Amino acid sequence: MLESRLQPVLREITDSRARTREELESLYRKIVSAVLLRSGLGSPTDINVVREATGLYYIFMILIVTMAL
């Protein structure tokens, strides 16, 4: 059931040709929502869950950049 509900969102993400800041922000929100739904970490409508997930992403990216130096 979850897979069938996620499929259209995943298709929008993979087919996206975002160029403007607004389009990129919308794409980012869709990616975060899809990851939260797929992983079962929490609801993408819960701002605390979204903040935690995006915070972890930024920490992960900082670690990757630091390791590459």
PDB file of N, CA and C in Angstrom:
ATOM      1  N   MET A   1       0.821  -1.188   0.000  1.00  0.00           N
ATOM      2  CA  MET A   1       0.000   0.000   0.000  1.00  0.00           C
ATOM      3  C   MET A   1       0.866   1.254   0.000  1.00  0.00           C
ATOM      4  N   LEU A   2       1.861   1.312   0.884  1.00  0.00           N
ATOM      5  CA  LEU A   2       2.733   2.471   0.957  1.00  0.00           C
ATOM      6  C   LEU A   2       3.473   2.681  -0.363  1.00  0.00           C
ATOM      7  N   GLU A   3       3.944   1.599  -0.941  1.00  0.00           N
ATOM      8  CA  GLU A   3       4.670   1.698  -2.210  1.00  0.00           C
ATOM      9  C   GLU A   3       3.810   2.327  -3.301  1.00  0.00           C
ATOM     10  N   SER A   4       2.551   1.924  -3.370  1.00  0.00           N
ATOM     11  CA  SER A   4       1.674   2.474  -4.408  1.00  0.00           C
ATOM     12  C   SER A   4       1.392   3.950  -4.174  1.00  0.00           C
ATOM     13  N   ARG A   5       1.361   4.376  -2.905  1.00  0.00           N
ATOM     14  CA  ARG A   5       1.146   5.792  -2.603  1.00  0.00           C
ATOM     15  C   ARG A   5       2.410   6.614  -2.850  1.00  0.00           C
ATOM     16  N   LEU A   6       3.570   5.989  -2.663  1.00  0.00           N
ATOM     17  CA  LEU A   6       4.829   6.696  -2.865  1.00  0.00           C
ATOM     18  C   LEU A   6       5.220   6.814  -4.333  1.00  0.00           C
ATOM     19  N   GLN A   7       4.756   5.886  -5.140  1.00  0.00           N
ATOM     20  CA  GLN A   7       5.169   5.826  -6.545  1.00  0.00           C
ATOM     21  C   GLN A   7       5.004   7.148  -7.299  1.00  0.00           C
ATOM     22  N   PRO A   8       3.860   7.829  -7.216  1.00  0.00           N
ATOM     23  CA  PRO A   8       3.729   9.102  -7.943  1.00  0.00           C
ATOM     24  C   PRO A   8       4.706  10.172  -7.449  1.00  0.00           C
ATOM     25  N   VAL A   9       4.956  10.204  -6.147  1.00  0.00           N
ATOM     26  CA  VAL A   9       5.898  11.185  -5.600  1.00  0.00           C
ATOM     27  C   VAL A   9       7.312  10.875  -6.075  1.00  0.00           C
ATOM     28  N   LEU A  10       7.677   9.601  -6.048  1.00  0.00           N
ATOM     29  CA  LEU A  10       9.009   9.209  -6.514  1.00  0.00           C
ATOM     30  C   LEU A  10       9.184   9.520  -7.998  1.00  0.00           C
ATOM     31  N   ARG A  11       8.141   9.344  -8.774  1.00  0.00           N
ATOM     32  CA  ARG A  11       8.192   9.666 -10.198  1.00  0.00           C
ATOM     33  C   ARG A  11       8.389  11.173 -10.394  1.00  0.00           C
ATOM     34  N   GLU A  12       7.678  11.981  -9.610  1.00  0.00           N
ATOM     35  CA  GLU A  12       7.850  13.442  -9.696  1.00  0.00           C
ATOM     36  C   GLU A  12       9.285  13.839  -9.372  1.00  0.00           C
ATOM     37  N   ILE A  13       9.863  13.179  -8.378  1.00  0.00           N
ATOM     38  CA  ILE A  13      11.244  13.480  -7.981  1.00  0.00           C
ATOM     39  C   ILE A  13      12.209  13.123  -9.098  1.00  0.00           C
ATOM     40  N   THR A  14      12.084  11.925  -9.631  1.00  0.00           N
ATOM     41  CA  THR A  14      13.033  11.493 -10.665  1.00  0.00           C
ATOM     42  C   THR A  14      12.839  12.208 -11.988  1.00  0.00           C
ATOM     43  N   ASP A  15      11.633  12.674 -12.268  1.00  0.00           N
ATOM     44  CA  ASP A  15      11.375  13.382 -13.526  1.00  0.00           C
ATOM     45  C   ASP A  15      11.599  14.887 -13.427  1.00  0.00           C
ATOM     46  N   SER A  16      11.902  15.361 -12.231  1.00  0.00           N
ATOM     47  CA  SER A  16      12.013  16.798 -12.007  1.00  0.00           C
ATOM     48  C   SER A  16      13.144  17.422 -12.816  1.00  0.00           C
ATOM     49  N   ARG A  17      12.894  18.602 -13.306  1.00  0.00           N
ATOM     50  CA  ARG A  17      13.898  19.413 -13.999  1.00  0.00           C
ATOM     51  C   ARG A  17      13.934  20.786 -13.337  1.00  0.00           C
ATOM     52  N   ALA A  18      14.009  20.773 -12.007  1.00  0.00           N
ATOM     53  CA  ALA A  18      13.960  22.008 -11.222  1.00  0.00           C
ATOM     54  C   ALA A  18      15.108  22.930 -11.610  1.00  0.00           C
ATOM     55  N   ARG A  19      14.789  24.197 -11.776  1.00  0.00           N
ATOM     56  CA  ARG A  19      15.786  25.194 -12.154  1.00  0.00           C
ATOM     57  C   ARG A  19      15.782  26.391 -11.191  1.00  0.00           C
ATOM     58  N   THR A  20      14.610  26.837 -10.814  1.00  0.00           N
ATOM     59  CA  THR A  20      14.529  28.015  -9.955  1.00  0.00           C
ATOM     60  C   THR A  20      14.658  27.604  -8.496  1.00  0.00           C
ATOM     61  N   ARG A  21      14.896  28.587  -7.652  1.00  0.00           N
ATOM     62  CA  ARG A  21      15.006  28.317  -6.221  1.00  0.00           C
ATOM     63  C   ARG A  21      13.720  27.692  -5.683  1.00  0.00           C
ATOM     64  N   GLU A  22      12.575  28.222  -6.107  1.00  0.00           N
ATOM     65  CA  GLU A  22      11.296  27.695  -5.635  1.00  0.00           C
ATOM     66  C   GLU A  22      11.099  26.245  -6.062  1.00  0.00           C
ATOM     67  N   GLU A  23      11.470  25.947  -7.306  1.00  0.00           N
ATOM     68  CA  GLU A  23      11.347  24.565  -7.801  1.00  0.00           C
ATOM     69  C   GLU A  23      12.276  23.634  -7.039  1.00  0.00           C
ATOM     70  N   LEU A  24      13.493  24.093  -6.737  1.00  0.00           N
ATOM     71  CA  LEU A  24      14.445  23.271  -5.991  1.00  0.00           C
ATOM     72  C   LEU A  24      13.976  23.048  -4.556  1.00  0.00           C
ATOM     73  N   GLU A  25      13.402  24.075  -3.941  1.00  0.00           N
ATOM     74  CA  GLU A  25      12.878  23.917  -2.586  1.00  0.00           C
ATOM     75  C   GLU A  25      11.710  22.928  -2.564  1.00  0.00           C
ATOM     76  N   SER A  26      10.858  23.003  -3.564  1.00  0.00           N
ATOM     77  CA  SER A  26       9.739  22.070  -3.663  1.00  0.00           C
ATOM     78  C   SER A  26      10.244  20.645  -3.851  1.00  0.00           C
ATOM     79  N   LEU A  27      11.249  20.481  -4.695  1.00  0.00           N
ATOM     80  CA  LEU A  27      11.835  19.160  -4.921  1.00  0.00           C
ATOM     81  C   LEU A  27      12.453  18.626  -3.633  1.00  0.00           C
ATOM     82  N   TYR A  28      13.163  19.484  -2.909  1.00  0.00           N
ATOM     83  CA  TYR A  28      13.788  19.081  -1.649  1.00  0.00           C
ATOM     84  C   TYR A  28      12.734  18.607  -0.647  1.00  0.00           C
ATOM     85  N   ARG A  29      11.621  19.349  -0.545  1.00  0.00           N
ATOM     86  CA  ARG A  29      10.543  18.951   0.373  1.00  0.00           C
ATOM     87  C   ARG A  29       9.961  17.595  -0.027  1.00  0.00           C
ATOM     88  N   LYS A  30       9.818  17.361  -1.328  1.00  0.00           N
ATOM     89  CA  LYS A  30       9.307  16.061  -1.785  1.00  0.00           C
ATOM     90  C   LYS A  30      10.266  14.933  -1.438  1.00  0.00           C
ATOM     91  N   ILE A  31      11.558  15.184  -1.587  1.00  0.00           N
ATOM     92  CA  ILE A  31      12.562  14.166  -1.256  1.00  0.00           C
ATOM     93  C   ILE A  31      12.519  13.846   0.231  1.00  0.00           C
ATOM     94  N   VAL A  32      12.480  14.883   1.070  1.00  0.00           N
ATOM     95  CA  VAL A  32      12.421  14.671   2.522  1.00  0.00           C
ATOM     96  C   VAL A  32      11.157  13.893   2.888  1.00  0.00           C
ATOM     97  N   SER A  33      10.029  14.268   2.310  1.00  0.00           N
ATOM     98  CA  SER A  33       8.767  13.572   2.594  1.00  0.00           C
ATOM     99  C   SER A  33       8.839  12.113   2.190  1.00  0.00           C
ATOM    100  N   ALA A  34       9.371  11.849   1.006  1.00  0.00           N
ATOM    101  CA  ALA A  34       9.466  10.469   0.525  1.00  0.00           C
ATOM    102  C   ALA A  34      10.375   9.630   1.417  1.00  0.00           C
ATOM    103  N   VAL A  35      11.500  10.193   1.827  1.00  0.00           N
ATOM    104  CA  VAL A  35      12.427   9.461   2.700  1.00  0.00           C
ATOM    105  C   VAL A  35      11.779   9.173   4.049  1.00  0.00           C
ATOM    106  N   LEU A  36      11.090  10.165   4.609  1.00  0.00           N
ATOM    107  CA  LEU A  36      10.436   9.952   5.902  1.00  0.00           C
ATOM    108  C   LEU A  36       9.350   8.890   5.808  1.00  0.00           C
ATOM    109  N   LEU A  37       8.545   8.943   4.767  1.00  0.00           N
ATOM    110  CA  LEU A  37       7.486   7.952   4.606  1.00  0.00           C
ATOM    111  C   LEU A  37       8.054   6.560   4.379  1.00  0.00           C
ATOM    112  N   ARG A  38       9.033   6.463   3.510  1.00  0.00           N
ATOM    113  CA  ARG A  38       9.613   5.164   3.163  1.00  0.00           C
ATOM    114  C   ARG A  38      10.329   4.526   4.356  1.00  0.00           C
ATOM    115  N   SER A  39      11.028   5.347   5.133  1.00  0.00           N
ATOM    116  CA  SER A  39      11.819   4.819   6.237  1.00  0.00           C
ATOM    117  C   SER A  39      10.992   4.551   7.493  1.00  0.00           C
ATOM    118  N   GLY A  40       9.830   5.190   7.577  1.00  0.00           N
ATOM    119  CA  GLY A  40       9.009   5.032   8.768  1.00  0.00           C
ATOM    120  C   GLY A  40       9.507   5.848   9.949  1.00  0.00           C
ATOM    121  N   LEU A  41      10.362   6.831   9.695  1.00  0.00           N
ATOM    122  CA  LEU A  41      10.913   7.653  10.773  1.00  0.00           C
ATOM    123  C   LEU A  41       9.884   8.587  11.391  1.00  0.00           C
ATOM    124  N   GLY A  42       8.844   8.889  10.635  1.00  0.00           N
ATOM    125  CA  GLY A  42       7.819   9.771  11.165  1.00  0.00           C
ATOM    126  C   GLY A  42       7.046  10.429  10.046  1.00  0.00           C
ATOM    127  N   SER A  43       6.131  11.273  10.441  1.00  0.00           N
ATOM    128  CA  SER A  43       5.261  11.932   9.484  1.00  0.00           C
ATOM    129  C   SER A  43       5.931  13.174   8.895  1.00  0.00           C
ATOM    130  N   PRO A  44       5.860  13.325   7.579  1.00  0.00           N
ATOM    131  CA  PRO A  44       6.423  14.528   6.971  1.00  0.00           C
ATOM    132  C   PRO A  44       5.617  15.784   7.291  1.00  0.00           C
ATOM    133  N   THR A  45       4.477  15.632   7.944  1.00  0.00           N
ATOM    134  CA  THR A  45       3.709  16.805   8.359  1.00  0.00           C
ATOM    135  C   THR A  45       4.072  17.240   9.783  1.00  0.00           C
ATOM    136  N   ASP A  46       4.887  16.448  10.472  1.00  0.00           N
ATOM    137  CA  ASP A  46       5.352  16.789  11.822  1.00  0.00           C
ATOM    138  C   ASP A  46       6.644  17.581  11.695  1.00  0.00           C
ATOM    139  N   ILE A  47       6.597  18.877  11.993  1.00  0.00           N
ATOM    140  CA  ILE A  47       7.742  19.758  11.797  1.00  0.00           C
ATOM    141  C   ILE A  47       8.966  19.308  12.584  1.00  0.00           C
ATOM    142  N   ASN A  48       8.774  18.708  13.756  1.00  0.00           N
ATOM    143  CA  ASN A  48       9.916  18.236  14.546  1.00  0.00           C
ATOM    144  C   ASN A  48      10.619  17.065  13.863  1.00  0.00           C
ATOM    145  N   VAL A  49       9.859  16.187  13.254  1.00  0.00           N
ATOM    146  CA  VAL A  49      10.436  15.061  12.516  1.00  0.00           C
ATOM    147  C   VAL A  49      11.213  15.585  11.316  1.00  0.00           C
ATOM    148  N   VAL A  50      10.639  16.543  10.593  1.00  0.00           N
ATOM    149  CA  VAL A  50      11.305  17.115   9.418  1.00  0.00           C
ATOM    150  C   VAL A  50      12.597  17.813   9.833  1.00  0.00           C
ATOM    151  N   ARG A  51      12.552  18.577  10.905  1.00  0.00           N
ATOM    152  CA  ARG A  51      13.763  19.271  11.383  1.00  0.00           C
ATOM    153  C   ARG A  51      14.856  18.287  11.756  1.00  0.00           C
ATOM    154  N   GLU A  52      14.477  17.218  12.438  1.00  0.00           N
ATOM    155  CA  GLU A  52      15.475  16.219  12.828  1.00  0.00           C
ATOM    156  C   GLU A  52      16.093  15.557  11.601  1.00  0.00           C
ATOM    157  N   ALA A  53      15.264  15.202  10.648  1.00  0.00           N
ATOM    158  CA  ALA A  53      15.761  14.542   9.438  1.00  0.00           C
ATOM    159  C   ALA A  53      16.675  15.466   8.632  1.00  0.00           C
ATOM    160  N   THR A  54      16.285  16.717   8.476  1.00  0.00           N
ATOM    161  CA  THR A  54      17.115  17.640   7.702  1.00  0.00           C
ATOM    162  C   THR A  54      18.382  17.994   8.475  1.00  0.00           C
ATOM    163  N   GLY A  55      18.303  18.053   9.783  1.00  0.00           N
ATOM    164  CA  GLY A  55      19.496  18.299  10.590  1.00  0.00           C
ATOM    165  C   GLY A  55      20.507  17.181  10.441  1.00  0.00           C
ATOM    166  N   LEU A  56      20.030  15.946  10.446  1.00  0.00           N
ATOM    167  CA  LEU A  56      20.921  14.799  10.243  1.00  0.00           C
ATOM    168  C   LEU A  56      21.554  14.832   8.865  1.00  0.00           C
ATOM    169  N   TYR A  57      20.796  15.254   7.869  1.00  0.00           N
ATOM    170  CA  TYR A  57      21.326  15.353   6.513  1.00  0.00           C
ATOM    171  C   TYR A  57      22.485  16.338   6.470  1.00  0.00           C
ATOM    172  N   TYR A  58      22.312  17.513   7.083  1.00  0.00           N
ATOM    173  CA  TYR A  58      23.367  18.516   7.059  1.00  0.00           C
ATOM    174  C   TYR A  58      24.606  18.046   7.803  1.00  0.00           C
ATOM    175  N   ILE A  59      24.423  17.372   8.915  1.00  0.00           N
ATOM    176  CA  ILE A  59      25.574  16.821   9.647  1.00  0.00           C
ATOM    177  C   ILE A  59      26.306  15.803   8.785  1.00  0.00           C
ATOM    178  N   PHE A  60      25.563  14.946   8.116  1.00  0.00           N
ATOM    179  CA  PHE A  60      26.155  13.939   7.238  1.00  0.00           C
ATOM    180  C   PHE A  60      26.957  14.611   6.119  1.00  0.00           C
ATOM    181  N   MET A  61      26.409  15.660   5.512  1.00  0.00           N
ATOM    182  CA  MET A  61      27.100  16.346   4.420  1.00  0.00           C
ATOM    183  C   MET A  61      28.368  17.030   4.917  1.00  0.00           C
ATOM    184  N   ILE A  62      28.332  17.604   6.109  1.00  0.00           N
ATOM    185  CA  ILE A  62      29.530  18.237   6.682  1.00  0.00           C
ATOM    186  C   ILE A  62      30.610  17.189   6.899  1.00  0.00           C
ATOM    187  N   LEU A  63      30.226  16.026   7.386  1.00  0.00           N
ATOM    188  CA  LEU A  63      31.198  14.947   7.600  1.00  0.00           C
ATOM    189  C   LEU A  63      31.831  14.498   6.282  1.00  0.00           C
ATOM    190  N   ILE A  64      31.030  14.378   5.249  1.00  0.00           N
ATOM    191  CA  ILE A  64      31.544  13.959   3.952  1.00  0.00           C
ATOM    192  C   ILE A  64      32.535  14.988   3.408  1.00  0.00           C
ATOM    193  N   VAL A  65      32.159  16.257   3.482  1.00  0.00           N
ATOM    194  CA  VAL A  65      33.053  17.314   2.983  1.00  0.00           C
ATOM    195  C   VAL A  65      34.341  17.342   3.781  1.00  0.00           C
ATOM    196  N   THR A  66      34.238  17.204   5.093  1.00  0.00           N
ATOM    197  CA  THR A  66      35.422  17.216   5.955  1.00  0.00           C
ATOM    198  C   THR A  66      36.348  16.047   5.644  1.00  0.00           C
ATOM    199  N   MET A  67      35.774  14.877   5.413  1.00  0.00           N
ATOM    200  CA  MET A  67      36.580  13.697   5.105  1.00  0.00           C
ATOM    201  C   MET A  67      37.267  13.824   3.749  1.00  0.00           C
ATOM    202  N   ALA A  68      36.650  14.569   2.832  1.00  0.00           N
ATOM    203  CA  ALA A  68      37.219  14.716   1.491  1.00  0.00           C
ATOM    204  C   ALA A  68      38.412  15.669   1.480  1.00  0.00           C
ATOM    205  N   LEU A  69      38.517  16.486   2.509  1.00  0.00           N
ATOM    206  CA  LEU A  69      39.618  17.471   2.547  1.00  0.00           C
ATOM    207  C   LEU A  69      40.908  16.837   2.892  1.00  0.00           C
TER     208      LEU A  69
END
